[in-house]
N, C-alpha and C. Protein backbone atom coordinates (compact mmCIF):
# COMPACT_ATOMS: atom_id res chain seq x y z
N UNK A 1 5.62 -40.47 31.69
CA UNK A 1 4.79 -41.14 30.87
C UNK A 1 3.08 -40.95 31.32
N UNK A 2 2.36 -40.60 29.99
CA UNK A 2 0.96 -40.06 30.06
C UNK A 2 -0.17 -41.43 30.39
N UNK A 3 -1.29 -41.33 31.51
CA UNK A 3 -2.07 -42.54 31.90
C UNK A 3 -2.87 -42.71 30.67
N UNK A 4 -2.82 -44.15 31.30
CA UNK A 4 -3.64 -44.49 29.65
C UNK A 4 -5.48 -44.04 29.29
N UNK A 5 -5.90 -43.58 30.61
CA UNK A 5 -6.72 -43.29 30.07
C UNK A 5 -7.06 -41.82 29.94
N UNK A 6 -6.47 -40.98 29.92
CA UNK A 6 -6.25 -39.95 29.02
C UNK A 6 -5.93 -39.66 28.23
N UNK A 7 -4.62 -41.19 27.51
CA UNK A 7 -4.71 -41.40 25.98
C UNK A 7 -5.50 -41.50 25.28
N UNK A 8 -6.99 -42.53 26.19
CA UNK A 8 -7.32 -43.41 25.30
C UNK A 8 -8.61 -42.27 25.11
N UNK A 9 -9.31 -41.62 26.03
CA UNK A 9 -10.07 -40.49 25.55
C UNK A 9 -9.89 -39.84 24.77
N UNK A 10 -8.67 -38.44 24.04
CA UNK A 10 -8.40 -37.85 22.92
C UNK A 10 -8.71 -38.64 22.15
N UNK A 11 -7.99 -39.80 21.40
CA UNK A 11 -8.13 -40.47 20.67
C UNK A 11 -9.94 -40.92 20.16
N UNK A 12 -10.37 -41.22 21.31
CA UNK A 12 -11.65 -41.11 20.74
C UNK A 12 -12.18 -40.84 20.18
N UNK A 13 -12.51 -39.13 20.57
CA UNK A 13 -12.29 -38.13 19.82
C UNK A 13 -11.93 -37.94 18.96
N UNK A 14 -10.72 -37.82 18.66
CA UNK A 14 -10.07 -37.68 16.85
C UNK A 14 -10.62 -39.25 16.17
N UNK A 15 -10.76 -40.62 16.49
CA UNK A 15 -11.70 -41.13 15.75
C UNK A 15 -13.39 -40.73 15.07
N UNK A 16 -13.39 -40.24 15.66
CA UNK A 16 -15.09 -39.43 15.70
C UNK A 16 -15.37 -38.07 14.89
N UNK A 17 -13.97 -37.92 14.59
CA UNK A 17 -14.12 -36.55 13.70
C UNK A 17 -13.57 -35.31 13.98
N UNK A 18 -13.05 -35.33 15.57
CA UNK A 18 -12.70 -34.26 16.40
C UNK A 18 -13.83 -33.29 17.07
N UNK A 19 -13.11 -32.58 17.82
CA UNK A 19 -14.30 -31.95 18.57
C UNK A 19 -15.43 -31.51 18.24
N UNK A 20 -15.03 -30.71 17.03
CA UNK A 20 -16.05 -30.13 15.58
C UNK A 20 -17.46 -31.51 15.85
N UNK A 21 -17.17 -31.68 15.13
CA UNK A 21 -18.10 -33.44 15.16
C UNK A 21 -18.51 -33.84 15.88
N UNK A 22 -17.43 -34.29 17.16
CA UNK A 22 -18.22 -34.96 18.51
C UNK A 22 -19.29 -34.21 18.89
N UNK A 23 -19.40 -32.98 19.06
CA UNK A 23 -19.45 -31.85 19.69
C UNK A 23 -20.65 -31.26 18.82
N UNK A 24 -21.14 -31.31 17.75
CA UNK A 24 -22.21 -30.92 16.50
C UNK A 24 -21.89 -29.23 17.07
N UNK A 25 -20.49 -28.77 16.67
CA UNK A 25 -20.75 -27.54 17.05
C UNK A 25 -19.69 -27.02 15.44
N UNK A 26 -19.94 -26.40 14.63
CA UNK A 26 -18.92 -26.01 13.58
C UNK A 26 -18.73 -24.26 14.00
N UNK A 27 -18.42 -23.70 14.91
CA UNK A 27 -17.74 -22.94 14.89
C UNK A 27 -16.06 -22.74 15.69
N UNK A 28 -15.80 -22.13 15.85
CA UNK A 28 -14.49 -22.27 16.41
C UNK A 28 -14.47 -22.18 18.12
N UNK A 29 -13.51 -23.14 17.87
CA UNK A 29 -13.06 -23.67 19.39
C UNK A 29 -11.52 -23.74 19.93
N UNK A 30 -11.29 -23.33 21.51
CA UNK A 30 -9.88 -23.20 21.85
C UNK A 30 -10.00 -24.15 22.39
N UNK A 31 -8.95 -24.79 22.83
CA UNK A 31 -8.53 -26.19 23.43
C UNK A 31 -7.00 -25.45 24.32
N UNK A 32 -7.27 -25.51 25.94
CA UNK A 32 -6.04 -25.36 26.22
C UNK A 32 -4.92 -25.98 27.00
N UNK A 33 -4.08 -25.87 27.76
CA UNK A 33 -2.93 -26.80 27.88
C UNK A 33 -3.14 -27.78 29.21
N UNK A 34 -3.82 -27.16 29.71
CA UNK A 34 -3.40 -27.31 30.95
C UNK A 34 -2.94 -26.51 32.34
N UNK A 35 -1.88 -25.65 32.02
CA UNK A 35 -1.00 -24.58 32.90
C UNK A 35 -1.70 -24.54 33.91
N UNK A 36 -3.21 -23.93 33.85
CA UNK A 36 -4.12 -23.23 34.97
C UNK A 36 -3.87 -24.58 35.85
N UNK A 37 -4.59 -25.41 35.27
CA UNK A 37 -4.95 -26.50 36.16
C UNK A 37 -3.33 -27.34 37.18
N UNK A 38 -2.61 -26.99 35.98
CA UNK A 38 -1.03 -27.49 36.69
C UNK A 38 -0.86 -26.43 37.93
N UNK A 39 -1.52 -25.22 38.02
CA UNK A 39 -1.36 -24.44 38.51
C UNK A 39 -2.69 -24.34 40.19
N UNK A 40 -3.36 -25.23 40.04
CA UNK A 40 -4.72 -25.15 40.85
C UNK A 40 -4.19 -26.48 41.76
N UNK A 41 -3.81 -27.65 41.07
CA UNK A 41 -3.52 -28.47 41.26
C UNK A 41 -1.97 -29.12 42.31
N UNK A 42 -1.30 -27.61 42.08
CA UNK A 42 0.18 -26.82 42.83
C UNK A 42 0.87 -28.68 43.52
N UNK A 43 -0.06 -28.72 44.61
CA UNK A 43 0.46 -29.37 45.36
C UNK A 43 0.37 -31.20 45.04
N UNK A 44 -0.15 -31.28 44.01
CA UNK A 44 0.15 -32.32 43.05
C UNK A 44 0.73 -32.72 42.04
N UNK A 45 1.30 -31.42 41.41
CA UNK A 45 2.60 -31.44 40.89
C UNK A 45 3.96 -31.16 40.93
N UNK A 46 4.80 -31.24 39.90
CA UNK A 46 6.02 -31.18 39.76
C UNK A 46 6.57 -30.86 38.66
N UNK A 47 6.78 -29.14 38.44
CA UNK A 47 6.98 -28.78 37.37
C UNK A 47 9.35 -29.04 37.11
N UNK A 48 9.09 -29.49 36.10
CA UNK A 48 10.39 -29.70 35.30
C UNK A 48 10.71 -29.23 34.35
N UNK A 49 12.32 -28.90 33.61
CA UNK A 49 12.52 -28.83 31.86
C UNK A 49 11.84 -29.36 30.98
N UNK A 50 11.07 -30.49 31.59
CA UNK A 50 10.71 -31.79 30.11
C UNK A 50 8.97 -31.20 30.46
N UNK A 51 8.05 -30.82 31.51
CA UNK A 51 7.19 -30.87 31.72
C UNK A 51 6.61 -30.75 32.62
N UNK A 52 5.46 -30.88 33.02
CA UNK A 52 4.60 -31.02 34.50
C UNK A 52 4.48 -32.71 34.68
N UNK A 53 4.95 -32.98 35.98
CA UNK A 53 4.13 -34.65 36.05
C UNK A 53 3.41 -34.04 37.38
N UNK A 54 2.52 -35.27 37.32
CA UNK A 54 1.61 -34.84 38.74
C UNK A 54 0.48 -36.22 38.87
N UNK A 55 -0.04 -36.25 39.80
CA UNK A 55 -0.48 -37.37 40.35
C UNK A 55 -1.73 -36.61 40.33
N UNK A 56 -2.55 -38.20 39.79
CA UNK A 56 -4.21 -37.98 40.10
C UNK A 56 -4.72 -37.79 40.86
N UNK A 57 -5.50 -36.99 40.87
CA UNK A 57 -6.53 -36.77 42.36
C UNK A 57 -7.55 -37.72 42.43
N UNK A 58 -7.80 -38.18 41.60
CA UNK A 58 -8.62 -39.20 41.00
C UNK A 58 -8.36 -40.48 41.69
N UNK A 59 -6.96 -41.16 41.32
CA UNK A 59 -6.82 -42.73 41.52
C UNK A 59 -5.14 -42.58 41.72
N UNK A 60 -4.47 -41.44 41.73
CA UNK A 60 -3.23 -41.65 42.31
C UNK A 60 -2.55 -41.61 41.10
N UNK A 61 -2.94 -41.89 39.62
CA UNK A 61 -1.77 -42.13 38.79
C UNK A 61 -1.04 -41.41 37.58
N UNK A 62 0.26 -41.68 37.84
CA UNK A 62 1.26 -40.75 37.22
C UNK A 62 1.16 -40.18 35.62
N UNK A 63 1.31 -39.14 35.65
CA UNK A 63 0.99 -38.00 33.91
C UNK A 63 2.24 -37.25 34.10
N UNK A 64 2.63 -37.37 33.11
CA UNK A 64 3.57 -36.06 32.35
C UNK A 64 2.97 -35.23 31.36
N UNK A 65 2.45 -34.11 31.31
CA UNK A 65 2.40 -33.39 30.30
C UNK A 65 3.92 -32.71 29.96
N UNK A 66 4.10 -32.62 28.86
CA UNK A 66 5.21 -31.72 28.15
C UNK A 66 4.62 -31.01 27.02
N UNK A 67 5.63 -30.25 26.48
CA UNK A 67 4.58 -29.68 25.18
C UNK A 67 4.26 -30.12 23.91
N UNK A 68 5.16 -31.40 23.92
CA UNK A 68 4.98 -31.93 22.77
C UNK A 68 3.08 -32.86 22.82
N UNK A 69 3.30 -33.52 23.71
CA UNK A 69 2.41 -33.88 24.26
C UNK A 69 1.12 -32.93 24.11
N UNK A 70 1.02 -31.94 24.29
CA UNK A 70 -0.01 -31.24 24.89
C UNK A 70 -0.55 -30.47 23.36
N UNK A 71 0.96 -30.49 22.59
CA UNK A 71 0.26 -29.76 21.20
C UNK A 71 -0.52 -31.66 20.44
N UNK A 72 0.01 -32.56 20.69
CA UNK A 72 -0.75 -34.21 19.76
C UNK A 72 -1.93 -34.11 20.50
N UNK A 73 -1.92 -33.72 22.05
CA UNK A 73 -3.67 -34.22 22.46
C UNK A 73 -4.23 -32.85 21.79
N UNK A 74 -3.36 -31.67 21.57
CA UNK A 74 -4.97 -30.57 21.14
C UNK A 74 -4.97 -30.54 19.39
N UNK A 75 -4.38 -31.72 18.62
CA UNK A 75 -4.20 -31.59 17.71
C UNK A 75 -5.03 -32.00 17.22
N UNK A 76 -4.96 -33.57 17.79
CA UNK A 76 -5.91 -34.76 18.04
C UNK A 76 -7.55 -34.43 17.94
N UNK A 77 -7.49 -33.75 18.95
CA UNK A 77 -8.78 -32.76 19.59
C UNK A 77 -9.49 -31.97 18.45
N UNK A 78 -8.61 -31.66 17.87
CA UNK A 78 -9.01 -31.23 16.19
C UNK A 78 -9.88 -29.17 16.59
N UNK A 79 -9.13 -28.57 17.67
CA UNK A 79 -9.54 -27.43 17.84
C UNK A 79 -8.73 -26.68 17.13
N UNK A 80 -9.60 -25.01 16.34
CA UNK A 80 -9.18 -23.74 15.69
C UNK A 80 -7.62 -23.30 16.57
N UNK A 81 -7.82 -23.37 17.92
CA UNK A 81 -6.91 -22.69 18.34
C UNK A 81 -6.45 -23.52 19.56
N UNK A 82 -5.11 -23.53 19.71
CA UNK A 82 -4.37 -24.14 20.41
C UNK A 82 -3.77 -23.43 21.57
N UNK A 83 -3.71 -23.21 22.95
CA UNK A 83 -2.71 -23.14 23.55
C UNK A 83 -1.37 -23.64 24.32
N UNK A 84 -0.31 -23.60 24.32
CA UNK A 84 0.79 -24.28 24.58
C UNK A 84 0.76 -24.60 26.06
N UNK A 85 1.30 -25.36 26.25
CA UNK A 85 1.43 -25.51 28.03
C UNK A 85 2.49 -23.86 28.71
N UNK A 86 2.19 -23.66 29.56
CA UNK A 86 3.01 -23.18 30.29
C UNK A 86 2.58 -22.65 31.92
N UNK A 87 3.91 -22.17 32.44
CA UNK A 87 3.79 -22.42 33.41
C UNK A 87 2.99 -21.03 34.11
N UNK A 88 2.01 -20.87 35.08
CA UNK A 88 1.01 -19.91 35.98
C UNK A 88 1.57 -19.74 37.12
N UNK A 89 2.21 -19.23 37.56
CA UNK A 89 3.07 -18.85 38.78
C UNK A 89 1.66 -18.17 39.84
N UNK A 90 1.69 -18.50 41.04
CA UNK A 90 0.55 -18.24 42.12
C UNK A 90 1.07 -16.35 41.99
N UNK A 91 -0.18 -15.99 42.69
CA UNK A 91 0.44 -14.41 43.03
C UNK A 91 -0.24 -14.27 44.57
N UNK A 92 0.82 -13.91 45.50
CA UNK A 92 1.99 -13.25 45.52
C UNK A 92 2.98 -14.41 44.97
N UNK A 93 4.18 -14.18 44.24
CA UNK A 93 5.30 -15.27 44.15
C UNK A 93 6.85 -14.50 44.26
N UNK A 94 7.41 -15.11 44.61
CA UNK A 94 9.22 -14.60 44.63
C UNK A 94 9.73 -14.02 43.17
N UNK A 95 10.00 -12.99 42.85
CA UNK A 95 10.76 -13.04 41.43
C UNK A 95 10.88 -14.19 40.51
N UNK A 96 12.39 -14.46 42.02
CA UNK A 96 13.02 -16.18 40.69
C UNK A 96 11.52 -16.78 40.23
N UNK A 97 11.06 -16.87 41.21
CA UNK A 97 9.80 -18.05 40.71
C UNK A 97 9.06 -17.40 39.07
N UNK A 98 9.05 -16.16 39.12
CA UNK A 98 8.22 -15.91 38.32
C UNK A 98 9.33 -15.50 37.02
N UNK A 99 10.58 -15.23 37.48
CA UNK A 99 11.52 -15.62 36.48
C UNK A 99 11.47 -16.90 35.80
N UNK A 100 11.61 -17.59 36.34
CA UNK A 100 11.81 -19.43 36.30
C UNK A 100 10.82 -19.84 35.41
N UNK A 101 9.17 -18.79 35.33
CA UNK A 101 7.41 -19.32 34.83
C UNK A 101 8.15 -18.49 33.56
N UNK A 102 8.34 -17.78 33.21
CA UNK A 102 8.47 -16.77 31.92
C UNK A 102 9.97 -17.75 31.57
N UNK A 103 10.52 -18.12 31.43
CA UNK A 103 11.74 -19.11 31.30
C UNK A 103 11.26 -20.23 30.33
N UNK A 104 10.48 -20.81 30.75
CA UNK A 104 9.52 -22.57 31.11
C UNK A 104 9.35 -22.23 30.36
N UNK A 105 7.80 -20.97 30.21
CA UNK A 105 6.91 -20.63 28.86
C UNK A 105 7.23 -20.71 27.82
N UNK A 106 8.42 -19.94 27.69
CA UNK A 106 9.00 -19.25 26.20
C UNK A 106 9.71 -20.70 25.69
N UNK A 107 10.29 -21.33 26.53
CA UNK A 107 11.21 -22.67 26.40
C UNK A 107 10.32 -23.58 25.67
N UNK A 108 9.02 -24.19 26.55
CA UNK A 108 7.80 -24.71 26.00
C UNK A 108 6.81 -24.07 25.03
N UNK A 109 7.02 -22.86 24.82
CA UNK A 109 6.57 -22.57 23.41
C UNK A 109 7.34 -22.79 22.04
N UNK A 110 8.53 -22.29 22.50
CA UNK A 110 9.46 -22.95 21.25
C UNK A 110 9.41 -24.11 20.65
N UNK A 111 9.14 -25.57 21.87
CA UNK A 111 8.97 -27.03 21.75
C UNK A 111 7.93 -27.29 21.40
N UNK A 112 6.71 -26.56 21.70
CA UNK A 112 5.30 -26.70 20.80
C UNK A 112 5.39 -25.85 19.15
N UNK A 113 5.93 -25.11 19.05
CA UNK A 113 6.83 -25.10 17.78
C UNK A 113 6.70 -25.96 16.67
N UNK A 114 8.00 -26.24 17.56
CA UNK A 114 8.46 -27.73 16.43
C UNK A 114 7.72 -28.88 16.81
N UNK A 115 6.56 -29.13 17.24
CA UNK A 115 6.06 -30.25 17.47
C UNK A 115 4.87 -30.16 16.51
N UNK A 116 4.32 -28.96 16.18
CA UNK A 116 3.31 -28.96 15.11
C UNK A 116 3.62 -29.73 14.18
N UNK A 117 2.15 -29.97 14.01
CA UNK A 117 2.41 -30.92 12.71
C UNK A 117 0.99 -30.35 11.81
N UNK A 118 0.27 -29.59 12.31
CA UNK A 118 -1.65 -29.54 11.74
C UNK A 118 -0.99 -27.88 11.50
N UNK A 119 -1.06 -27.61 10.36
CA UNK A 119 -1.32 -25.94 10.00
C UNK A 119 -2.27 -24.97 9.82
N UNK A 120 -3.85 -25.91 9.99
CA UNK A 120 -4.65 -25.19 10.36
C UNK A 120 -5.43 -24.94 11.47
N UNK A 121 -4.27 -25.05 12.55
CA UNK A 121 -4.58 -25.15 14.10
C UNK A 121 -3.47 -24.04 14.34
N UNK A 122 -4.28 -22.71 14.75
CA UNK A 122 -3.49 -21.62 15.28
C UNK A 122 -3.30 -21.91 16.96
N UNK A 123 -1.64 -21.67 17.24
CA UNK A 123 -1.15 -22.30 18.26
C UNK A 123 -0.46 -20.56 18.42
N UNK A 124 -1.13 -20.52 20.01
CA UNK A 124 -1.05 -18.83 20.58
C UNK A 124 0.04 -19.36 21.29
N UNK A 125 0.55 -18.01 21.75
CA UNK A 125 1.87 -18.01 22.76
C UNK A 125 0.79 -17.05 23.66
N UNK A 126 1.43 -17.84 24.73
CA UNK A 126 0.14 -16.94 26.48
C UNK A 126 2.43 -15.67 27.17
N UNK A 127 1.39 -14.93 27.71
CA UNK A 127 2.65 -14.00 28.00
C UNK A 127 2.07 -14.17 29.80
N UNK A 128 3.42 -14.40 30.54
CA UNK A 128 3.36 -14.60 31.68
C UNK A 128 4.28 -13.39 32.40
N UNK A 129 4.68 -13.62 33.74
CA UNK A 129 5.67 -12.25 34.20
C UNK A 129 4.93 -11.87 35.60
N UNK A 130 3.74 -12.33 35.75
CA UNK A 130 3.00 -12.07 37.10
C UNK A 130 2.91 -10.33 37.18
N UNK A 131 3.23 -9.63 38.31
CA UNK A 131 3.33 -8.45 38.93
C UNK A 131 4.22 -7.83 38.38
N UNK A 132 4.98 -8.21 37.35
CA UNK A 132 6.62 -7.19 37.23
C UNK A 132 6.32 -7.21 35.94
N UNK A 133 6.10 -5.56 35.83
CA UNK A 133 6.31 -5.31 34.46
C UNK A 133 7.36 -5.64 33.19
N UNK A 134 8.27 -5.85 33.65
CA UNK A 134 9.78 -6.29 33.63
C UNK A 134 9.73 -7.59 32.62
N UNK A 135 9.30 -8.50 33.49
CA UNK A 135 9.02 -9.82 33.05
C UNK A 135 8.02 -9.80 32.24
N UNK A 136 6.90 -9.24 32.20
CA UNK A 136 5.73 -9.66 31.17
C UNK A 136 6.13 -9.01 30.24
N UNK A 137 7.16 -7.40 30.22
CA UNK A 137 7.46 -7.59 28.97
C UNK A 137 8.84 -7.87 28.12
N UNK A 138 9.52 -9.15 28.96
CA UNK A 138 10.31 -10.10 28.47
C UNK A 138 9.42 -11.12 28.09
N UNK A 139 8.32 -11.74 28.49
CA UNK A 139 7.45 -12.71 28.24
C UNK A 139 6.84 -12.84 26.82
N UNK A 140 6.45 -11.00 26.61
CA UNK A 140 5.61 -10.85 25.75
C UNK A 140 6.50 -10.87 24.34
N UNK A 141 7.78 -10.06 25.01
CA UNK A 141 8.63 -10.01 23.72
C UNK A 141 9.45 -10.99 23.09
N UNK A 142 9.33 -12.38 24.21
CA UNK A 142 9.50 -13.94 23.32
C UNK A 142 8.78 -14.22 22.79
N UNK A 143 7.78 -13.96 22.98
CA UNK A 143 5.95 -14.92 22.27
C UNK A 143 6.06 -14.17 20.92
N UNK A 144 5.91 -12.60 20.93
CA UNK A 144 5.95 -11.87 19.68
C UNK A 144 6.64 -12.14 18.57
N UNK A 145 8.47 -12.54 18.71
CA UNK A 145 9.37 -12.69 17.85
C UNK A 145 9.01 -13.97 17.40
N UNK A 146 8.20 -14.94 17.96
CA UNK A 146 7.62 -16.29 17.12
C UNK A 146 6.73 -15.95 15.78
N UNK A 147 6.43 -14.73 16.14
CA UNK A 147 5.53 -14.26 14.86
C UNK A 147 4.08 -15.43 14.76
N UNK A 148 3.44 -15.18 16.27
CA UNK A 148 2.15 -16.18 16.43
C UNK A 148 0.86 -15.71 15.36
N UNK A 149 -0.35 -16.68 15.53
CA UNK A 149 -1.29 -15.96 15.02
C UNK A 149 -2.30 -14.93 16.06
N UNK A 150 -1.70 -15.66 17.09
CA UNK A 150 -2.53 -14.68 18.42
C UNK A 150 -1.64 -14.89 19.83
N UNK A 151 -2.04 -13.89 20.84
CA UNK A 151 -1.54 -14.11 21.80
C UNK A 151 -2.42 -13.99 23.39
N UNK A 152 -2.40 -14.57 24.22
CA UNK A 152 -2.84 -14.44 25.81
C UNK A 152 -2.17 -13.55 26.60
N UNK A 153 -2.88 -13.49 27.32
CA UNK A 153 -1.89 -12.80 29.04
C UNK A 153 -2.17 -13.39 30.08
N UNK A 154 -1.20 -14.15 30.29
CA UNK A 154 -1.34 -15.26 31.66
C UNK A 154 -1.34 -14.47 32.47
């Protein structure tokens, strides 16, 4: 369940014509999924195959970010480039943890693609893998196999 406050905020921006109109900005806009925030707020978060659940550091309310929900929010905001939900492991991290981050990031990217409704928004892939060249190559290959309009390095 996503918190009601968050749901209401992005819907207000959508009703006002998206971020471009809301901000009075006619150039390209990129929205991020929140993957880095999950990393930076790790003590408040829990990763699982569905997504990331976390308690707000402001009021303790429970939120769930899934790849599908992140796509929904970013499409409503109307950005030109959207970054999918990913797992940004800390450095240093155990190899097994980085492997799991690569696996979840790839699975969530595929779910994000299936959830897309807007074809005028570029969904980029994010390459993870930490300091492990073989895991970075595996992550990059998984993202590139989906033939996306762009890629980011995590």
